[in-house]
């Protein structure tokens, strides 16, 4: 006979399973876009999430939306502190299905916005 889990234990298990699903989505993204993610690094975030950091200007973070995981692209880092344009942290709500070429252009554009004096 199996013992019924307490509500507190069930909540912990659910939270861990949700976190695992988010990590699995990030893993799948990395495996599908190896060329793009080659230069990225894993970034531990304060909310116990893990994201992919591109330079000091872009960050992809798994989030829940409508009972599914989306990979959200944000501006990140100190490069944006003195940005003069209209500023929003959110760049794209879900990049999981975006082509690697399009995403590469978007990340490159973010780099140039954050570093207008750069020659790269």
PDB file of N, CA and C in Angstrom:
ATOM      1  N   UNK A   1       0.837  -1.170   0.000  1.00  0.00           N
ATOM      2  CA  UNK A   1       0.000   0.000   0.000  1.00  0.00           C
ATOM      3  C   UNK A   1       0.891   1.246   0.000  1.00  0.00           C
ATOM      4  N   UNK A   2       0.612   2.157  -0.912  1.00  0.00           N
ATOM      5  CA  UNK A   2       1.405   3.376  -0.986  1.00  0.00           C
ATOM      6  C   UNK A   2       0.794   4.460  -0.108  1.00  0.00           C
ATOM      7  N   UNK A   3       1.659   5.200   0.469  1.00  0.00           N
ATOM      8  CA  UNK A   3       1.240   6.277   1.355  1.00  0.00           C
ATOM      9  C   UNK A   3       0.958   7.533   0.543  1.00  0.00           C
ATOM     10  N   UNK A   4      -0.119   8.205   0.829  1.00  0.00           N
ATOM     11  CA  UNK A   4      -0.492   9.433   0.128  1.00  0.00           C
ATOM     12  C   UNK A   4       0.474  10.551   0.520  1.00  0.00           C
ATOM     13  N   UNK A   5       0.883  11.332  -0.482  1.00  0.00           N
ATOM     14  CA  UNK A   5       1.791  12.439  -0.230  1.00  0.00           C
ATOM     15  C   UNK A   5       1.043  13.604   0.400  1.00  0.00           C
ATOM     16  N   UNK A   6       1.720  14.316   1.240  1.00  0.00           N
ATOM     17  CA  UNK A   6       1.113  15.507   1.834  1.00  0.00           C
ATOM     18  C   UNK A   6       0.999  16.594   0.756  1.00  0.00           C
ATOM     19  N   UNK A   7       0.151  17.553   0.986  1.00  0.00           N
ATOM     20  CA  UNK A   7      -0.037  18.662   0.049  1.00  0.00           C
ATOM     21  C   UNK A   7       1.267  19.418  -0.149  1.00  0.00           C
ATOM     22  N   UNK A   8       2.007  19.637   0.915  1.00  0.00           N
ATOM     23  CA  UNK A   8       3.285  20.352   0.819  1.00  0.00           C
ATOM     24  C   UNK A   8       4.273  19.590  -0.058  1.00  0.00           C
ATOM     25  N   UNK A   9       4.321  18.286   0.115  1.00  0.00           N
ATOM     26  CA  UNK A   9       5.217  17.462  -0.705  1.00  0.00           C
ATOM     27  C   UNK A   9       4.777  17.475  -2.158  1.00  0.00           C
ATOM     28  N   UNK A  10       3.487  17.378  -2.410  1.00  0.00           N
ATOM     29  CA  UNK A  10       2.978  17.426  -3.785  1.00  0.00           C
ATOM     30  C   UNK A  10       3.341  18.745  -4.459  1.00  0.00           C
ATOM     31  N   UNK A  11       3.246  19.841  -3.732  1.00  0.00           N
ATOM     32  CA  UNK A  11       3.600  21.152  -4.293  1.00  0.00           C
ATOM     33  C   UNK A  11       5.082  21.210  -4.645  1.00  0.00           C
ATOM     34  N   UNK A  12       5.922  20.651  -3.797  1.00  0.00           N
ATOM     35  CA  UNK A  12       7.362  20.623  -4.076  1.00  0.00           C
ATOM     36  C   UNK A  12       7.647  19.794  -5.317  1.00  0.00           C
ATOM     37  N   UNK A  13       7.023  18.647  -5.412  1.00  0.00           N
ATOM     38  CA  UNK A  13       7.224  17.771  -6.572  1.00  0.00           C
ATOM     39  C   UNK A  13       6.770  18.472  -7.849  1.00  0.00           C
ATOM     40  N   UNK A  14       5.623  19.132  -7.799  1.00  0.00           N
ATOM     41  CA  UNK A  14       5.122  19.860  -8.959  1.00  0.00           C
ATOM     42  C   UNK A  14       6.090  20.964  -9.368  1.00  0.00           C
ATOM     43  N   UNK A  15       6.613  21.705  -8.404  1.00  0.00           N
ATOM     44  CA  UNK A  15       7.558  22.786  -8.697  1.00  0.00           C
ATOM     45  C   UNK A  15       8.832  22.236  -9.338  1.00  0.00           C
ATOM     46  N   UNK A  16       9.331  21.133  -8.824  1.00  0.00           N
ATOM     47  CA  UNK A  16      10.535  20.515  -9.382  1.00  0.00           C
ATOM     48  C   UNK A  16      10.275  20.017 -10.801  1.00  0.00           C
ATOM     49  N   UNK A  17       9.121  19.394 -11.030  1.00  0.00           N
ATOM     50  CA  UNK A  17       8.783  18.904 -12.361  1.00  0.00           C
ATOM     51  C   UNK A  17       8.668  20.057 -13.357  1.00  0.00           C
ATOM     52  N   UNK A  18       8.060  21.167 -12.943  1.00  0.00           N
ATOM     53  CA  UNK A  18       7.940  22.341 -13.819  1.00  0.00           C
ATOM     54  C   UNK A  18       9.328  22.905 -14.156  1.00  0.00           C
ATOM     55  N   UNK A  19      10.202  22.954 -13.168  1.00  0.00           N
ATOM     56  CA  UNK A  19      11.563  23.445 -13.399  1.00  0.00           C
ATOM     57  C   UNK A  19      12.300  22.531 -14.362  1.00  0.00           C
ATOM     58  N   UNK A  20      12.085  21.226 -14.237  1.00  0.00           N
ATOM     59  CA  UNK A  20      12.719  20.257 -15.133  1.00  0.00           C
ATOM     60  C   UNK A  20      12.233  20.455 -16.567  1.00  0.00           C
ATOM     61  N   UNK A  21      10.944  20.704 -16.744  1.00  0.00           N
ATOM     62  CA  UNK A  21      10.395  20.935 -18.085  1.00  0.00           C
ATOM     63  C   UNK A  21      11.032  22.177 -18.707  1.00  0.00           C
ATOM     64  N   UNK A  22      11.241  23.219 -17.900  1.00  0.00           N
ATOM     65  CA  UNK A  22      11.885  24.430 -18.426  1.00  0.00           C
ATOM     66  C   UNK A  22      13.325  24.154 -18.833  1.00  0.00           C
ATOM     67  N   UNK A  23      14.059  23.394 -18.024  1.00  0.00           N
ATOM     68  CA  UNK A  23      15.438  23.035 -18.376  1.00  0.00           C
ATOM     69  C   UNK A  23      15.480  22.156 -19.618  1.00  0.00           C
ATOM     70  N   UNK A  24      14.526  21.237 -19.750  1.00  0.00           N
ATOM     71  CA  UNK A  24      14.452  20.395 -20.944  1.00  0.00           C
ATOM     72  C   UNK A  24      14.232  21.237 -22.199  1.00  0.00           C
ATOM     73  N   UNK A  25      13.406  22.286 -22.098  1.00  0.00           N
ATOM     74  CA  UNK A  25      13.168  23.170 -23.243  1.00  0.00           C
ATOM     75  C   UNK A  25      14.447  23.913 -23.619  1.00  0.00           C
ATOM     76  N   UNK A  26      15.208  24.344 -22.631  1.00  0.00           N
ATOM     77  CA  UNK A  26      16.474  25.031 -22.893  1.00  0.00           C
ATOM     78  C   UNK A  26      17.492  24.065 -23.494  1.00  0.00           C
ATOM     79  N   UNK A  27      17.512  22.835 -23.004  1.00  0.00           N
ATOM     80  CA  UNK A  27      18.402  21.811 -23.547  1.00  0.00           C
ATOM     81  C   UNK A  27      18.071  21.528 -25.008  1.00  0.00           C
ATOM     82  N   UNK A  28      16.796  21.358 -25.312  1.00  0.00           N
ATOM     83  CA  UNK A  28      16.365  21.105 -26.689  1.00  0.00           C
ATOM     84  C   UNK A  28      16.776  22.262 -27.598  1.00  0.00           C
ATOM     85  N   UNK A  29      16.590  23.487 -27.124  1.00  0.00           N
ATOM     86  CA  UNK A  29      16.972  24.675 -27.884  1.00  0.00           C
ATOM     87  C   UNK A  29      18.473  24.653 -28.187  1.00  0.00           C
ATOM     88  N   UNK A  30      19.291  24.327 -27.189  1.00  0.00           N
ATOM     89  CA  UNK A  30      20.739  24.270 -27.384  1.00  0.00           C
ATOM     90  C   UNK A  30      21.142  23.188 -28.389  1.00  0.00           C
ATOM     91  N   UNK A  31      20.490  22.043 -28.306  1.00  0.00           N
ATOM     92  CA  UNK A  31      20.812  20.947 -29.223  1.00  0.00           C
ATOM     93  C   UNK A  31      20.406  21.274 -30.659  1.00  0.00           C
ATOM     94  N   UNK A  32      19.299  21.983 -30.833  1.00  0.00           N
ATOM     95  CA  UNK A  32      18.824  22.333 -32.171  1.00  0.00           C
ATOM     96  C   UNK A  32      19.593  23.495 -32.787  1.00  0.00           C
ATOM     97  N   UNK A  33      20.191  24.339 -31.962  1.00  0.00           N
ATOM     98  CA  UNK A  33      20.878  25.541 -32.453  1.00  0.00           C
ATOM     99  C   UNK A  33      22.293  25.601 -31.898  1.00  0.00           C
ATOM    100  N   UNK A  34      23.050  24.559 -32.158  1.00  0.00           N
ATOM    101  CA  UNK A  34      24.382  24.448 -31.586  1.00  0.00           C
ATOM    102  C   UNK A  34      25.315  25.561 -32.037  1.00  0.00           C
ATOM    103  N   UNK A  35      25.213  25.974 -33.283  1.00  0.00           N
ATOM    104  CA  UNK A  35      26.079  27.038 -33.783  1.00  0.00           C
ATOM    105  C   UNK A  35      25.801  28.342 -33.043  1.00  0.00           C
ATOM    106  N   UNK A  36      24.543  28.665 -32.869  1.00  0.00           N
ATOM    107  CA  UNK A  36      24.157  29.899 -32.185  1.00  0.00           C
ATOM    108  C   UNK A  36      24.540  29.865 -30.710  1.00  0.00           C
ATOM    109  N   UNK A  37      24.278  28.756 -30.045  1.00  0.00           N
ATOM    110  CA  UNK A  37      24.493  28.686 -28.604  1.00  0.00           C
ATOM    111  C   UNK A  37      25.945  28.392 -28.223  1.00  0.00           C
ATOM    112  N   UNK A  38      26.783  28.129 -29.201  1.00  0.00           N
ATOM    113  CA  UNK A  38      28.195  27.840 -28.937  1.00  0.00           C
ATOM    114  C   UNK A  38      28.854  28.963 -28.121  1.00  0.00           C
ATOM    115  N   UNK A  39      28.560  30.199 -28.448  1.00  0.00           N
ATOM    116  CA  UNK A  39      29.195  31.323 -27.762  1.00  0.00           C
ATOM    117  C   UNK A  39      28.439  31.814 -26.546  1.00  0.00           C
ATOM    118  N   UNK A  40      27.360  31.158 -26.184  1.00  0.00           N
ATOM    119  CA  UNK A  40      26.577  31.592 -25.021  1.00  0.00           C
ATOM    120  C   UNK A  40      27.103  30.914 -23.763  1.00  0.00           C
ATOM    121  N   UNK A  41      26.597  31.365 -22.625  1.00  0.00           N
ATOM    122  CA  UNK A  41      26.944  30.701 -21.366  1.00  0.00           C
ATOM    123  C   UNK A  41      25.690  30.583 -20.515  1.00  0.00           C
ATOM    124  N   UNK A  42      25.682  29.600 -19.641  1.00  0.00           N
ATOM    125  CA  UNK A  42      24.550  29.433 -18.730  1.00  0.00           C
ATOM    126  C   UNK A  42      24.609  30.508 -17.656  1.00  0.00           C
ATOM    127  N   UNK A  43      23.465  31.050 -17.338  1.00  0.00           N
ATOM    128  CA  UNK A  43      23.384  32.095 -16.314  1.00  0.00           C
ATOM    129  C   UNK A  43      22.333  31.692 -15.297  1.00  0.00           C
ATOM    130  N   UNK A  44      22.746  31.575 -14.035  1.00  0.00           N
ATOM    131  CA  UNK A  44      21.803  31.304 -12.946  1.00  0.00           C
ATOM    132  C   UNK A  44      21.125  32.613 -12.576  1.00  0.00           C
ATOM    133  N   UNK A  45      19.807  32.572 -12.499  1.00  0.00           N
ATOM    134  CA  UNK A  45      19.037  33.774 -12.208  1.00  0.00           C
ATOM    135  C   UNK A  45      18.508  33.727 -10.780  1.00  0.00           C
ATOM    136  N   UNK A  46      18.141  34.863 -10.248  1.00  0.00           N
ATOM    137  CA  UNK A  46      17.696  34.950  -8.857  1.00  0.00           C
ATOM    138  C   UNK A  46      16.428  34.155  -8.583  1.00  0.00           C
ATOM    139  N   UNK A  47      15.604  33.941  -9.594  1.00  0.00           N
ATOM    140  CA  UNK A  47      14.339  33.238  -9.383  1.00  0.00           C
ATOM    141  C   UNK A  47      14.481  31.725  -9.575  1.00  0.00           C
ATOM    142  N   UNK A  48      15.680  31.216  -9.394  1.00  0.00           N
ATOM    143  CA  UNK A  48      15.996  29.791  -9.499  1.00  0.00           C
ATOM    144  C   UNK A  48      15.865  29.256 -10.921  1.00  0.00           C
ATOM    145  N   UNK A  49      15.834  30.159 -11.894  1.00  0.00           N
ATOM    146  CA  UNK A  49      15.816  29.741 -13.295  1.00  0.00           C
ATOM    147  C   UNK A  49      17.233  29.779 -13.828  1.00  0.00           C
ATOM    148  N   UNK A  50      17.419  29.132 -14.962  1.00  0.00           N
ATOM    149  CA  UNK A  50      18.679  29.162 -15.674  1.00  0.00           C
ATOM    150  C   UNK A  50      18.405  29.684 -17.064  1.00  0.00           C
ATOM    151  N   UNK A  51      19.217  30.631 -17.515  1.00  0.00           N
ATOM    152  CA  UNK A  51      19.047  31.199 -18.840  1.00  0.00           C
ATOM    153  C   UNK A  51      20.315  31.055 -19.652  1.00  0.00           C
ATOM    154  N   UNK A  52      20.226  31.430 -20.921  1.00  0.00           N
ATOM    155  CA  UNK A  52      21.386  31.457 -21.810  1.00  0.00           C
ATOM    156  C   UNK A  52      21.778  32.905 -22.034  1.00  0.00           C
ATOM    157  N   UNK A  53      22.989  33.273 -21.640  1.00  0.00           N
ATOM    158  CA  UNK A  53      23.482  34.639 -21.768  1.00  0.00           C
ATOM    159  C   UNK A  53      24.309  34.752 -23.044  1.00  0.00           C
ATOM    160  N   UNK A  54      24.008  35.754 -23.850  1.00  0.00           N
ATOM    161  CA  UNK A  54      24.762  36.039 -25.071  1.00  0.00           C
ATOM    162  C   UNK A  54      25.504  37.343 -24.841  1.00  0.00           C
ATOM    163  N   UNK A  55      26.820  37.257 -24.680  1.00  0.00           N
ATOM    164  CA  UNK A  55      27.595  38.446 -24.354  1.00  0.00           C
ATOM    165  C   UNK A  55      27.063  39.051 -23.066  1.00  0.00           C
ATOM    166  N   UNK A  56      27.015  40.357 -23.030  1.00  0.00           N
ATOM    167  CA  UNK A  56      26.452  41.058 -21.872  1.00  0.00           C
ATOM    168  C   UNK A  56      25.204  41.825 -22.268  1.00  0.00           C
ATOM    169  N   UNK A  57      24.565  41.410 -23.350  1.00  0.00           N
ATOM    170  CA  UNK A  57      23.474  42.217 -23.885  1.00  0.00           C
ATOM    171  C   UNK A  57      22.175  41.464 -24.125  1.00  0.00           C
ATOM    172  N   UNK A  58      22.185  40.147 -24.150  1.00  0.00           N
ATOM    173  CA  UNK A  58      20.968  39.380 -24.455  1.00  0.00           C
ATOM    174  C   UNK A  58      20.898  38.126 -23.588  1.00  0.00           C
ATOM    175  N   UNK A  59      19.670  37.752 -23.235  1.00  0.00           N
ATOM    176  CA  UNK A  59      19.458  36.612 -22.358  1.00  0.00           C
ATOM    177  C   UNK A  59      18.176  35.890 -22.773  1.00  0.00           C
ATOM    178  N   UNK A  60      18.266  34.580 -22.946  1.00  0.00           N
ATOM    179  CA  UNK A  60      17.087  33.755 -23.237  1.00  0.00           C
ATOM    180  C   UNK A  60      16.735  33.001 -21.959  1.00  0.00           C
ATOM    181  N   UNK A  61      15.477  33.147 -21.538  1.00  0.00           N
ATOM    182  CA  UNK A  61      15.013  32.557 -20.285  1.00  0.00           C
ATOM    183  C   UNK A  61      13.750  31.731 -20.537  1.00  0.00           C
ATOM    184  N   UNK A  62      13.689  30.501 -20.041  1.00  0.00           N
ATOM    185  CA  UNK A  62      12.446  29.724 -20.163  1.00  0.00           C
ATOM    186  C   UNK A  62      11.399  30.249 -19.181  1.00  0.00           C
ATOM    187  N   UNK A  63      10.164  30.372 -19.656  1.00  0.00           N
ATOM    188  CA  UNK A  63       9.039  30.839 -18.840  1.00  0.00           C
ATOM    189  C   UNK A  63       7.807  30.025 -19.185  1.00  0.00           C
ATOM    190  N   UNK A  64       6.836  30.049 -18.291  1.00  0.00           N
ATOM    191  CA  UNK A  64       5.560  29.389 -18.535  1.00  0.00           C
ATOM    192  C   UNK A  64       4.572  30.393 -19.104  1.00  0.00           C
ATOM    193  N   UNK A  65       3.861  29.984 -20.157  1.00  0.00           N
ATOM    194  CA  UNK A  65       2.785  30.787 -20.706  1.00  0.00           C
ATOM    195  C   UNK A  65       1.716  29.835 -21.236  1.00  0.00           C
ATOM    196  N   UNK A  66       0.497  30.004 -20.745  1.00  0.00           N
ATOM    197  CA  UNK A  66      -0.623  29.158 -21.181  1.00  0.00           C
ATOM    198  C   UNK A  66      -0.290  27.667 -21.104  1.00  0.00           C
ATOM    199  N   UNK A  67       0.228  27.245 -19.980  1.00  0.00           N
ATOM    200  CA  UNK A  67       0.543  25.834 -19.722  1.00  0.00           C
ATOM    201  C   UNK A  67       1.590  25.233 -20.648  1.00  0.00           C
ATOM    202  N   UNK A  68       2.455  26.055 -21.191  1.00  0.00           N
ATOM    203  CA  UNK A  68       3.578  25.538 -21.978  1.00  0.00           C
ATOM    204  C   UNK A  68       4.797  26.423 -21.760  1.00  0.00           C
ATOM    205  N   UNK A  69       5.965  25.896 -22.054  1.00  0.00           N
ATOM    206  CA  UNK A  69       7.199  26.641 -21.865  1.00  0.00           C
ATOM    207  C   UNK A  69       7.501  27.445 -23.124  1.00  0.00           C
ATOM    208  N   UNK A  70       7.832  28.710 -22.926  1.00  0.00           N
ATOM    209  CA  UNK A  70       8.304  29.572 -24.002  1.00  0.00           C
ATOM    210  C   UNK A  70       9.712  30.024 -23.638  1.00  0.00           C
ATOM    211  N   UNK A  71      10.510  30.302 -24.649  1.00  0.00           N
ATOM    212  CA  UNK A  71      11.863  30.812 -24.430  1.00  0.00           C
ATOM    213  C   UNK A  71      11.855  32.290 -24.789  1.00  0.00           C
ATOM    214  N   UNK A  72      11.965  33.118 -23.776  1.00  0.00           N
ATOM    215  CA  UNK A  72      11.820  34.559 -23.926  1.00  0.00           C
ATOM    216  C   UNK A  72      13.187  35.221 -24.042  1.00  0.00           C
ATOM    217  N   UNK A  73      13.313  36.129 -25.014  1.00  0.00           N
ATOM    218  CA  UNK A  73      14.555  36.869 -25.219  1.00  0.00           C
ATOM    219  C   UNK A  73      14.433  38.238 -24.558  1.00  0.00           C
ATOM    220  N   UNK A  74      15.380  38.539 -23.680  1.00  0.00           N
ATOM    221  CA  UNK A  74      15.424  39.812 -22.967  1.00  0.00           C
ATOM    222  C   UNK A  74      16.724  40.540 -23.263  1.00  0.00           C
ATOM    223  N   UNK A  75      16.680  41.853 -23.149  1.00  0.00           N
ATOM    224  CA  UNK A  75      17.910  42.631 -23.070  1.00  0.00           C
ATOM    225  C   UNK A  75      18.449  42.383 -21.662  1.00  0.00           C
ATOM    226  N   UNK A  76      19.756  42.337 -21.522  1.00  0.00           N
ATOM    227  CA  UNK A  76      20.315  42.122 -20.188  1.00  0.00           C
ATOM    228  C   UNK A  76      21.670  42.789 -20.078  1.00  0.00           C
ATOM    229  N   UNK A  77      22.122  42.936 -18.868  1.00  0.00           N
ATOM    230  CA  UNK A  77      23.449  43.472 -18.615  1.00  0.00           C
ATOM    231  C   UNK A  77      23.459  44.973 -18.441  1.00  0.00           C
ATOM    232  N   UNK A  78      24.635  45.473 -18.125  1.00  0.00           N
ATOM    233  CA  UNK A  78      24.820  46.893 -17.853  1.00  0.00           C
ATOM    234  C   UNK A  78      24.927  47.734 -19.112  1.00  0.00           C
ATOM    235  N   UNK A  79      25.051  47.118 -20.270  1.00  0.00           N
ATOM    236  CA  UNK A  79      25.166  47.874 -21.519  1.00  0.00           C
ATOM    237  C   UNK A  79      23.952  48.763 -21.754  1.00  0.00           C
ATOM    238  N   UNK A  80      22.826  48.419 -21.161  1.00  0.00           N
ATOM    239  CA  UNK A  80      21.579  49.128 -21.437  1.00  0.00           C
ATOM    240  C   UNK A  80      21.328  50.295 -20.484  1.00  0.00           C
ATOM    241  N   UNK A  81      22.188  50.496 -19.509  1.00  0.00           N
ATOM    242  CA  UNK A  81      21.965  51.542 -18.508  1.00  0.00           C
ATOM    243  C   UNK A  81      21.863  52.927 -19.153  1.00  0.00           C
ATOM    244  N   UNK A  82      22.689  53.191 -20.124  1.00  0.00           N
ATOM    245  CA  UNK A  82      22.716  54.517 -20.754  1.00  0.00           C
ATOM    246  C   UNK A  82      22.058  54.544 -22.129  1.00  0.00           C
ATOM    247  N   UNK A  83      21.246  53.548 -22.425  1.00  0.00           N
ATOM    248  CA  UNK A  83      20.584  53.472 -23.727  1.00  0.00           C
ATOM    249  C   UNK A  83      19.598  54.622 -23.884  1.00  0.00           C
ATOM    250  N   UNK A  84      19.681  55.355 -25.013  1.00  0.00           N
ATOM    251  CA  UNK A  84      18.858  56.545 -25.227  1.00  0.00           C
ATOM    252  C   UNK A  84      17.516  56.264 -25.892  1.00  0.00           C
ATOM    253  N   UNK A  85      17.363  55.159 -26.573  1.00  0.00           N
ATOM    254  CA  UNK A  85      16.129  54.864 -27.302  1.00  0.00           C
ATOM    255  C   UNK A  85      14.990  54.458 -26.378  1.00  0.00           C
ATOM    256  N   UNK A  86      13.835  54.178 -26.975  1.00  0.00           N
ATOM    257  CA  UNK A  86      12.704  53.668 -26.190  1.00  0.00           C
ATOM    258  C   UNK A  86      13.105  52.297 -25.670  1.00  0.00           C
ATOM    259  N   UNK A  87      13.019  52.123 -24.376  1.00  0.00           N
ATOM    260  CA  UNK A  87      13.593  50.927 -23.767  1.00  0.00           C
ATOM    261  C   UNK A  87      12.536  49.971 -23.240  1.00  0.00           C
ATOM    262  N   UNK A  88      12.664  48.716 -23.613  1.00  0.00           N
ATOM    263  CA  UNK A  88      11.866  47.622 -23.068  1.00  0.00           C
ATOM    264  C   UNK A  88      12.818  46.451 -22.869  1.00  0.00           C
ATOM    265  N   UNK A  89      12.716  45.797 -21.717  1.00  0.00           N
ATOM    266  CA  UNK A  89      13.572  44.637 -21.456  1.00  0.00           C
ATOM    267  C   UNK A  89      13.201  43.477 -22.375  1.00  0.00           C
ATOM    268  N   UNK A  90      11.907  43.278 -22.609  1.00  0.00           N
ATOM    269  CA  UNK A  90      11.436  42.163 -23.431  1.00  0.00           C
ATOM    270  C   UNK A  90      11.703  42.444 -24.906  1.00  0.00           C
ATOM    271  N   UNK A  91      12.342  41.501 -25.572  1.00  0.00           N
ATOM    272  CA  UNK A  91      12.625  41.629 -27.003  1.00  0.00           C
ATOM    273  C   UNK A  91      11.695  40.735 -27.803  1.00  0.00           C
ATOM    274  N   UNK A  92      11.589  39.463 -27.415  1.00  0.00           N
ATOM    275  CA  UNK A  92      10.725  38.510 -28.104  1.00  0.00           C
ATOM    276  C   UNK A  92      10.164  37.537 -27.076  1.00  0.00           C
ATOM    277  N   UNK A  93       8.854  37.353 -27.113  1.00  0.00           N
ATOM    278  CA  UNK A  93       8.193  36.522 -26.110  1.00  0.00           C
ATOM    279  C   UNK A  93       8.545  35.040 -26.230  1.00  0.00           C
ATOM    280  N   UNK A  94       8.739  34.558 -27.467  1.00  0.00           N
ATOM    281  CA  UNK A  94       9.085  33.147 -27.639  1.00  0.00           C
ATOM    282  C   UNK A  94       9.980  32.984 -28.865  1.00  0.00           C
ATOM    283  N   UNK A  95      11.224  32.570 -28.620  1.00  0.00           N
ATOM    284  CA  UNK A  95      12.174  32.361 -29.710  1.00  0.00           C
ATOM    285  C   UNK A  95      12.398  30.878 -29.989  1.00  0.00           C
ATOM    286  N   UNK A  96      11.633  30.019 -29.354  1.00  0.00           N
ATOM    287  CA  UNK A  96      11.868  28.582 -29.478  1.00  0.00           C
ATOM    288  C   UNK A  96      11.672  28.064 -30.904  1.00  0.00           C
ATOM    289  N   UNK A  97      10.810  28.690 -31.667  1.00  0.00           N
ATOM    290  CA  UNK A  97      10.569  28.236 -33.039  1.00  0.00           C
ATOM    291  C   UNK A  97      11.198  29.174 -34.081  1.00  0.00           C
ATOM    292  N   UNK A  98      11.868  30.217 -33.622  1.00  0.00           N
ATOM    293  CA  UNK A  98      12.510  31.170 -34.527  1.00  0.00           C
ATOM    294  C   UNK A  98      13.713  30.502 -35.197  1.00  0.00           C
ATOM    295  N   UNK A  99      13.944  30.807 -36.458  1.00  0.00           N
ATOM    296  CA  UNK A  99      15.081  30.215 -37.154  1.00  0.00           C
ATOM    297  C   UNK A  99      16.387  30.697 -36.534  1.00  0.00           C
ATOM    298  N   UNK A 100      17.403  29.875 -36.665  1.00  0.00           N
ATOM    299  CA  UNK A 100      18.700  30.225 -36.098  1.00  0.00           C
ATOM    300  C   UNK A 100      19.245  31.501 -36.735  1.00  0.00           C
ATOM    301  N   UNK A 101      19.064  31.650 -38.047  1.00  0.00           N
ATOM    302  CA  UNK A 101      19.564  32.841 -38.746  1.00  0.00           C
ATOM    303  C   UNK A 101      18.857  34.104 -38.256  1.00  0.00           C
ATOM    304  N   UNK A 102      17.550  34.032 -38.105  1.00  0.00           N
ATOM    305  CA  UNK A 102      16.795  35.201 -37.647  1.00  0.00           C
ATOM    306  C   UNK A 102      17.179  35.566 -36.208  1.00  0.00           C
ATOM    307  N   UNK A 103      17.317  34.567 -35.373  1.00  0.00           N
ATOM    308  CA  UNK A 103      17.692  34.813 -33.990  1.00  0.00           C
ATOM    309  C   UNK A 103      19.105  35.388 -33.905  1.00  0.00           C
ATOM    310  N   UNK A 104      20.001  34.890 -34.732  1.00  0.00           N
ATOM    311  CA  UNK A 104      21.372  35.411 -34.767  1.00  0.00           C
ATOM    312  C   UNK A 104      21.359  36.894 -35.147  1.00  0.00           C
ATOM    313  N   UNK A 105      20.555  37.262 -36.148  1.00  0.00           N
ATOM    314  CA  UNK A 105      20.448  38.678 -36.552  1.00  0.00           C
ATOM    315  C   UNK A 105      19.903  39.527 -35.413  1.00  0.00           C
ATOM    316  N   UNK A 106      18.908  39.002 -34.710  1.00  0.00           N
ATOM    317  CA  UNK A 106      18.299  39.735 -33.604  1.00  0.00           C
ATOM    318  C   UNK A 106      19.302  39.954 -32.467  1.00  0.00           C
ATOM    319  N   UNK A 107      20.061  38.939 -32.128  1.00  0.00           N
ATOM    320  CA  UNK A 107      21.068  39.060 -31.066  1.00  0.00           C
ATOM    321  C   UNK A 107      22.170  40.025 -31.492  1.00  0.00           C
ATOM    322  N   UNK A 108      22.568  39.957 -32.743  1.00  0.00           N
ATOM    323  CA  UNK A 108      23.581  40.886 -33.264  1.00  0.00           C
ATOM    324  C   UNK A 108      23.065  42.333 -33.212  1.00  0.00           C
ATOM    325  N   UNK A 109      21.787  42.514 -33.564  1.00  0.00           N
ATOM    326  CA  UNK A 109      21.174  43.844 -33.510  1.00  0.00           C
ATOM    327  C   UNK A 109      21.170  44.375 -32.075  1.00  0.00           C
ATOM    328  N   UNK A 110      20.856  43.516 -31.118  1.00  0.00           N
ATOM    329  CA  UNK A 110      20.881  43.922 -29.710  1.00  0.00           C
ATOM    330  C   UNK A 110      22.277  44.340 -29.289  1.00  0.00           C
ATOM    331  N   UNK A 111      23.286  43.599 -29.750  1.00  0.00           N
ATOM    332  CA  UNK A 111      24.664  43.955 -29.425  1.00  0.00           C
ATOM    333  C   UNK A 111      24.983  45.349 -29.937  1.00  0.00           C
ATOM    334  N   UNK A 112      24.609  45.646 -31.184  1.00  0.00           N
ATOM    335  CA  UNK A 112      24.905  46.955 -31.764  1.00  0.00           C
ATOM    336  C   UNK A 112      24.102  48.074 -31.110  1.00  0.00           C
ATOM    337  N   UNK A 113      22.878  47.784 -30.680  1.00  0.00           N
ATOM    338  CA  UNK A 113      22.102  48.785 -29.946  1.00  0.00           C
ATOM    339  C   UNK A 113      22.760  49.105 -28.607  1.00  0.00           C
ATOM    340  N   UNK A 114      23.252  48.081 -27.935  1.00  0.00           N
ATOM    341  CA  UNK A 114      23.876  48.271 -26.620  1.00  0.00           C
ATOM    342  C   UNK A 114      25.278  48.861 -26.725  1.00  0.00           C
ATOM    343  N   UNK A 115      25.935  48.632 -27.865  1.00  0.00           N
ATOM    344  CA  UNK A 115      27.317  49.089 -28.070  1.00  0.00           C
ATOM    345  C   UNK A 115      27.429  49.803 -29.410  1.00  0.00           C
ATOM    346  N   UNK A 116      26.844  50.984 -29.542  1.00  0.00           N
ATOM    347  CA  UNK A 116      26.823  51.658 -30.848  1.00  0.00           C
ATOM    348  C   UNK A 116      28.209  52.027 -31.371  1.00  0.00           C
ATOM    349  N   UNK A 117      29.183  52.147 -30.503  1.00  0.00           N
ATOM    350  CA  UNK A 117      30.522  52.515 -30.954  1.00  0.00           C
ATOM    351  C   UNK A 117      31.348  51.313 -31.420  1.00  0.00           C
ATOM    352  N   UNK A 118      30.794  50.113 -31.300  1.00  0.00           N
ATOM    353  CA  UNK A 118      31.512  48.888 -31.644  1.00  0.00           C
ATOM    354  C   UNK A 118      31.679  48.747 -33.156  1.00  0.00           C
ATOM    355  N   UNK A 119      32.810  48.184 -33.558  1.00  0.00           N
ATOM    356  CA  UNK A 119      33.101  47.933 -34.985  1.00  0.00           C
ATOM    357  C   UNK A 119      32.644  46.561 -35.417  1.00  0.00           C
ATOM    358  N   UNK A 120      32.260  45.716 -34.496  1.00  0.00           N
ATOM    359  CA  UNK A 120      31.913  44.315 -34.797  1.00  0.00           C
ATOM    360  C   UNK A 120      30.713  44.207 -35.686  1.00  0.00           C
TER     361      UNK A 120
END
